[in-house]
Amino acid sequence: MLNDKLLTALNDQMNYEFYAAHSYLAMAAYCSDESLDGFANFFLVQAEEERFHAMKFYNFINVLGERAVIQALPAPNNEFSSVLDAFEKSLAQEKEVTKKIYHLSDLAWDAREHATINFLKWFIEEQVEEEDLFDSIIQKLKRIDDDSNAFFMLDNEFSKRSFTASDD
């Protein structure tokens, strides 16, 4: 049985993952409005991935015999000055997720909740990959700056992105 503090934190993280998906949908909508279908696809795939993460928390909470509590989501940011701005906001959001996962891990360690510690290892590794992905894209966007051909190539590359659930 989880202690109340850890259960609340797990539920909060589940809901934050749903919020992250909501944020990525807003970014996809911005890109679609700008006729950047590849970038829109990137963010749609990212939203799907975040929903998958949220459901991992939902299922874990239920497997432990506890109750997942769904909360209202705050409205995401819908205004972006550029694709670069959207990716910079994405990186900031991923860094916030990392902080929250680390906090959860600390709570699990303090509670000697070994199942939760083991569960969170996957998320810790995932966050390293997420931050690296967004940082890499930001660096590419900064390098290509006003090169419309390079920008088109990146947009085209992102149109091929898809999501495959992995519990590795």
C-alpha atoms as a PDB file:
ATOM      1  CA  MET A   1       0.000   0.000   0.000  1.00  0.00           C
ATOM      2  CA  LEU A   2       1.355   3.383  -1.002  1.00  0.00           C
ATOM      3  CA  ASN A   3       1.580   6.183   1.494  1.00  0.00           C
ATOM      4  CA  ASP A   4      -0.721   9.138   0.806  1.00  0.00           C
ATOM      5  CA  LYS A   5       2.086  11.492  -0.205  1.00  0.00           C
ATOM      6  CA  LEU A   6       3.459   9.101  -2.823  1.00  0.00           C
ATOM      7  CA  LEU A   7      -0.006   8.190  -4.141  1.00  0.00           C
ATOM      8  CA  THR A   8      -0.886  11.873  -4.512  1.00  0.00           C
ATOM      9  CA  ALA A   9       2.401  12.518  -6.333  1.00  0.00           C
ATOM     10  CA  LEU A  10       1.819   9.575  -8.705  1.00  0.00           C
ATOM     11  CA  ASN A  11      -1.672  10.860  -9.486  1.00  0.00           C
ATOM     12  CA  ASP A  12      -0.309  14.371 -10.004  1.00  0.00           C
ATOM     13  CA  GLN A  13       2.297  13.023 -12.415  1.00  0.00           C
ATOM     14  CA  MET A  14      -0.316  11.051 -14.328  1.00  0.00           C
ATOM     15  CA  ASN A  15      -2.356  14.220 -14.737  1.00  0.00           C
ATOM     16  CA  TYR A  16       0.725  16.241 -15.706  1.00  0.00           C
ATOM     17  CA  GLU A  17       1.452  13.706 -18.442  1.00  0.00           C
ATOM     18  CA  PHE A  18      -2.100  14.229 -19.741  1.00  0.00           C
ATOM     19  CA  TYR A  19      -1.466  17.990 -19.590  1.00  0.00           C
ATOM     20  CA  ALA A  20       1.783  17.555 -21.560  1.00  0.00           C
ATOM     21  CA  ALA A  21      -0.197  15.708 -24.246  1.00  0.00           C
ATOM     22  CA  HIS A  22      -2.666  18.600 -24.262  1.00  0.00           C
ATOM     23  CA  SER A  23       0.222  21.063 -24.695  1.00  0.00           C
ATOM     24  CA  TYR A  24       1.651  19.120 -27.605  1.00  0.00           C
ATOM     25  CA  LEU A  25      -1.775  19.123 -29.280  1.00  0.00           C
ATOM     26  CA  ALA A  26      -1.777  22.920 -29.013  1.00  0.00           C
ATOM     27  CA  MET A  27       1.658  23.011 -30.638  1.00  0.00           C
ATOM     28  CA  ALA A  28       0.429  20.702 -33.409  1.00  0.00           C
ATOM     29  CA  ALA A  29      -2.515  23.021 -34.001  1.00  0.00           C
ATOM     30  CA  TYR A  30      -0.147  25.992 -34.293  1.00  0.00           C
ATOM     31  CA  CYS A  31       1.995  24.129 -36.826  1.00  0.00           C
ATOM     32  CA  SER A  32      -1.047  23.010 -38.799  1.00  0.00           C
ATOM     33  CA  ASP A  33      -2.248  26.594 -38.941  1.00  0.00           C
ATOM     34  CA  GLU A  34       1.160  27.557 -40.346  1.00  0.00           C
ATOM     35  CA  SER A  35       0.866  24.775 -42.988  1.00  0.00           C
ATOM     36  CA  LEU A  36       3.783  22.926 -41.430  1.00  0.00           C
ATOM     37  CA  ASP A  37       2.304  19.453 -41.578  1.00  0.00           C
ATOM     38  CA  GLY A  38       5.517  17.616 -40.700  1.00  0.00           C
ATOM     39  CA  PHE A  39       6.049  19.677 -37.556  1.00  0.00           C
ATOM     40  CA  ALA A  40       2.352  19.236 -36.724  1.00  0.00           C
ATOM     41  CA  ASN A  41       2.815  15.471 -37.075  1.00  0.00           C
ATOM     42  CA  PHE A  42       5.861  15.619 -34.785  1.00  0.00           C
ATOM     43  CA  PHE A  43       3.758  17.209 -32.039  1.00  0.00           C
ATOM     44  CA  LEU A  44       0.785  14.894 -32.635  1.00  0.00           C
ATOM     45  CA  VAL A  45       3.089  11.919 -32.181  1.00  0.00           C
ATOM     46  CA  GLN A  46       4.543  13.575 -29.087  1.00  0.00           C
ATOM     47  CA  ALA A  47       1.018  14.015 -27.676  1.00  0.00           C
ATOM     48  CA  GLU A  48       0.314  10.335 -28.268  1.00  0.00           C
ATOM     49  CA  GLU A  49       3.531   9.431 -26.464  1.00  0.00           C
ATOM     50  CA  GLU A  50       2.579  11.599 -23.470  1.00  0.00           C
ATOM     51  CA  ARG A  51      -0.859   9.951 -23.276  1.00  0.00           C
ATOM     52  CA  PHE A  52       0.939   6.595 -23.269  1.00  0.00           C
ATOM     53  CA  HIS A  53       3.068   7.825 -20.355  1.00  0.00           C
ATOM     54  CA  ALA A  54      -0.031   8.985 -18.489  1.00  0.00           C
ATOM     55  CA  MET A  55      -1.656   5.601 -18.979  1.00  0.00           C
ATOM     56  CA  LYS A  56       1.458   3.859 -17.644  1.00  0.00           C
ATOM     57  CA  PHE A  57       0.920   5.815 -14.408  1.00  0.00           C
ATOM     58  CA  TYR A  58      -2.817   5.088 -14.480  1.00  0.00           C
ATOM     59  CA  ASN A  59      -2.214   1.346 -14.869  1.00  0.00           C
ATOM     60  CA  PHE A  60       0.562   1.273 -12.262  1.00  0.00           C
ATOM     61  CA  ILE A  61      -1.632   2.996  -9.684  1.00  0.00           C
ATOM     62  CA  ASN A  62      -4.437   0.525 -10.377  1.00  0.00           C
ATOM     63  CA  VAL A  63      -2.140  -2.518 -10.291  1.00  0.00           C
ATOM     64  CA  LEU A  64      -1.086  -1.458  -6.795  1.00  0.00           C
ATOM     65  CA  GLY A  65      -4.742  -1.517  -5.754  1.00  0.00           C
ATOM     66  CA  GLU A  66      -5.017   2.244  -5.510  1.00  0.00           C
ATOM     67  CA  ARG A  67      -7.268   4.659  -7.351  1.00  0.00           C
ATOM     68  CA  ALA A  68      -6.184   6.874 -10.208  1.00  0.00           C
ATOM     69  CA  VAL A  69      -7.768  10.296  -9.805  1.00  0.00           C
ATOM     70  CA  ILE A  70      -8.339  12.279 -12.991  1.00  0.00           C
ATOM     71  CA  GLN A  71      -8.181  16.051 -12.582  1.00  0.00           C
ATOM     72  CA  ALA A  72      -9.150  19.000 -14.750  1.00  0.00           C
ATOM     73  CA  LEU A  73      -6.402  20.126 -17.115  1.00  0.00           C
ATOM     74  CA  PRO A  74      -5.276  23.723 -17.252  1.00  0.00           C
ATOM     75  CA  ALA A  75      -5.468  25.366 -20.662  1.00  0.00           C
ATOM     76  CA  PRO A  76      -2.200  24.945 -22.546  1.00  0.00           C
ATOM     77  CA  ASN A  77      -0.324  27.762 -24.203  1.00  0.00           C
ATOM     78  CA  ASN A  78      -1.741  28.249 -27.696  1.00  0.00           C
ATOM     79  CA  GLU A  79       0.441  31.147 -28.805  1.00  0.00           C
ATOM     80  CA  PHE A  80       3.851  30.640 -30.363  1.00  0.00           C
ATOM     81  CA  SER A  81       6.009  33.122 -32.209  1.00  0.00           C
ATOM     82  CA  SER A  82       7.696  30.441 -34.309  1.00  0.00           C
ATOM     83  CA  VAL A  83       8.382  26.734 -34.580  1.00  0.00           C
ATOM     84  CA  LEU A  84      11.593  27.362 -32.647  1.00  0.00           C
ATOM     85  CA  ASP A  85       9.539  28.964 -29.867  1.00  0.00           C
ATOM     86  CA  ALA A  86       7.298  25.876 -29.731  1.00  0.00           C
ATOM     87  CA  PHE A  87      10.319  23.588 -29.427  1.00  0.00           C
ATOM     88  CA  GLU A  88      11.938  25.766 -26.770  1.00  0.00           C
ATOM     89  CA  LYS A  89       8.701  25.637 -24.773  1.00  0.00           C
ATOM     90  CA  SER A  90       8.668  21.865 -25.319  1.00  0.00           C
ATOM     91  CA  LEU A  91      12.165  21.509 -23.894  1.00  0.00           C
ATOM     92  CA  ALA A  92      11.193  23.596 -20.859  1.00  0.00           C
ATOM     93  CA  GLN A  93       8.145  21.366 -20.364  1.00  0.00           C
ATOM     94  CA  GLU A  94      10.275  18.213 -20.616  1.00  0.00           C
ATOM     95  CA  LYS A  95      12.712  19.629 -18.060  1.00  0.00           C
ATOM     96  CA  GLU A  96       9.756  20.185 -15.733  1.00  0.00           C
ATOM     97  CA  VAL A  97       8.679  16.564 -16.261  1.00  0.00           C
ATOM     98  CA  THR A  98      12.223  15.455 -15.402  1.00  0.00           C
ATOM     99  CA  LYS A  99      12.145  17.434 -12.139  1.00  0.00           C
ATOM    100  CA  LYS A 100       8.791  15.882 -11.262  1.00  0.00           C
ATOM    101  CA  ILE A 101      10.014  12.346 -12.021  1.00  0.00           C
ATOM    102  CA  TYR A 102      13.119  12.931  -9.887  1.00  0.00           C
ATOM    103  CA  HIS A 103      10.906  14.205  -7.056  1.00  0.00           C
ATOM    104  CA  LEU A 104       8.716  11.110  -7.374  1.00  0.00           C
ATOM    105  CA  SER A 105      11.806   8.931  -7.292  1.00  0.00           C
ATOM    106  CA  ASP A 106      12.982  10.675  -4.119  1.00  0.00           C
ATOM    107  CA  LEU A 107       9.584  10.112  -2.496  1.00  0.00           C
ATOM    108  CA  ALA A 108       9.674   6.439  -3.475  1.00  0.00           C
ATOM    109  CA  TRP A 109      13.181   6.058  -2.026  1.00  0.00           C
ATOM    110  CA  ASP A 110      12.140   7.747   1.206  1.00  0.00           C
ATOM    111  CA  ALA A 111       9.135   5.410   1.482  1.00  0.00           C
ATOM    112  CA  ARG A 112      11.242   2.348   0.565  1.00  0.00           C
ATOM    113  CA  GLU A 113       8.612   1.679  -2.120  1.00  0.00           C
ATOM    114  CA  HIS A 114      10.680  -0.635  -4.313  1.00  0.00           C
ATOM    115  CA  ALA A 115       7.991  -1.360  -6.912  1.00  0.00           C
ATOM    116  CA  THR A 116       7.622   2.377  -7.539  1.00  0.00           C
ATOM    117  CA  ILE A 117      11.386   2.861  -7.648  1.00  0.00           C
ATOM    118  CA  ASN A 118      11.612   0.169 -10.304  1.00  0.00           C
ATOM    119  CA  PHE A 119       8.655   1.617 -12.237  1.00  0.00           C
ATOM    120  CA  LEU A 120      10.197   5.105 -12.308  1.00  0.00           C
ATOM    121  CA  LYS A 121      13.537   3.909 -13.738  1.00  0.00           C
ATOM    122  CA  TRP A 122      11.897   3.661 -17.175  1.00  0.00           C
ATOM    123  CA  PHE A 123      10.738   7.277 -16.929  1.00  0.00           C
ATOM    124  CA  ILE A 124      14.159   8.519 -15.835  1.00  0.00           C
ATOM    125  CA  GLU A 125      15.732   6.981 -18.931  1.00  0.00           C
ATOM    126  CA  GLU A 126      12.881   8.290 -21.100  1.00  0.00           C
ATOM    127  CA  GLN A 127      13.436  11.836 -19.859  1.00  0.00           C
ATOM    128  CA  VAL A 128      17.120  11.747 -20.791  1.00  0.00           C
ATOM    129  CA  GLU A 129      16.039  10.817 -24.331  1.00  0.00           C
ATOM    130  CA  GLU A 130      13.275  13.441 -24.441  1.00  0.00           C
ATOM    131  CA  GLU A 131      15.490  16.314 -23.353  1.00  0.00           C
ATOM    132  CA  ASP A 132      18.193  15.246 -25.795  1.00  0.00           C
ATOM    133  CA  LEU A 133      15.670  15.028 -28.651  1.00  0.00           C
ATOM    134  CA  PHE A 134      14.292  18.517 -28.088  1.00  0.00           C
ATOM    135  CA  ASP A 135      17.711  20.050 -27.526  1.00  0.00           C
ATOM    136  CA  SER A 136      18.930  18.494 -30.782  1.00  0.00           C
ATOM    137  CA  ILE A 137      15.964  19.826 -32.746  1.00  0.00           C
ATOM    138  CA  ILE A 138      16.419  23.298 -31.255  1.00  0.00           C
ATOM    139  CA  GLN A 139      20.075  23.276 -32.295  1.00  0.00           C
ATOM    140  CA  LYS A 140      19.102  22.234 -35.834  1.00  0.00           C
ATOM    141  CA  LEU A 141      16.451  24.943 -36.056  1.00  0.00           C
ATOM    142  CA  LYS A 142      18.943  27.564 -34.894  1.00  0.00           C
ATOM    143  CA  ARG A 143      21.528  26.374 -37.436  1.00  0.00           C
ATOM    144  CA  ILE A 144      19.167  26.411 -40.386  1.00  0.00           C
ATOM    145  CA  ASP A 145      17.812  29.832 -39.358  1.00  0.00           C
ATOM    146  CA  ASP A 146      16.361  31.272 -42.575  1.00  0.00           C
ATOM    147  CA  ASP A 147      17.381  28.451 -44.918  1.00  0.00           C
ATOM    148  CA  SER A 148      13.949  27.554 -46.283  1.00  0.00           C
ATOM    149  CA  ASN A 149      15.244  24.425 -48.023  1.00  0.00           C
ATOM    150  CA  ALA A 150      16.685  23.000 -44.809  1.00  0.00           C
ATOM    151  CA  PHE A 151      13.516  23.966 -42.940  1.00  0.00           C
ATOM    152  CA  PHE A 152      11.403  22.164 -45.585  1.00  0.00           C
ATOM    153  CA  MET A 153      13.628  19.085 -45.309  1.00  0.00           C
ATOM    154  CA  LEU A 154      13.178  19.001 -41.523  1.00  0.00           C
ATOM    155  CA  ASP A 155       9.411  19.467 -41.903  1.00  0.00           C
ATOM    156  CA  ASN A 156       9.392  16.601 -44.415  1.00  0.00           C
ATOM    157  CA  GLU A 157      11.476  14.397 -42.081  1.00  0.00           C
ATOM    158  CA  PHE A 158       9.003  14.965 -39.233  1.00  0.00           C
ATOM    159  CA  SER A 159       6.073  14.004 -41.455  1.00  0.00           C
ATOM    160  CA  LYS A 160       7.399  10.426 -41.324  1.00  0.00           C
ATOM    161  CA  ARG A 161       7.571  10.236 -37.523  1.00  0.00           C
ATOM    162  CA  SER A 162       5.291   7.734 -35.817  1.00  0.00           C
ATOM    163  CA  PHE A 163       4.731   6.382 -32.331  1.00  0.00           C
ATOM    164  CA  THR A 164       5.194   2.785 -31.283  1.00  0.00           C
ATOM    165  CA  ALA A 165       4.528   1.983 -27.646  1.00  0.00           C
ATOM    166  CA  SER A 166       7.527   0.453 -25.914  1.00  0.00           C
ATOM    167  CA  ASP A 167       7.814  -0.691 -22.324  1.00  0.00           C
ATOM    168  CA  ASP A 168      11.546  -1.422 -22.567  1.00  0.00           C
END
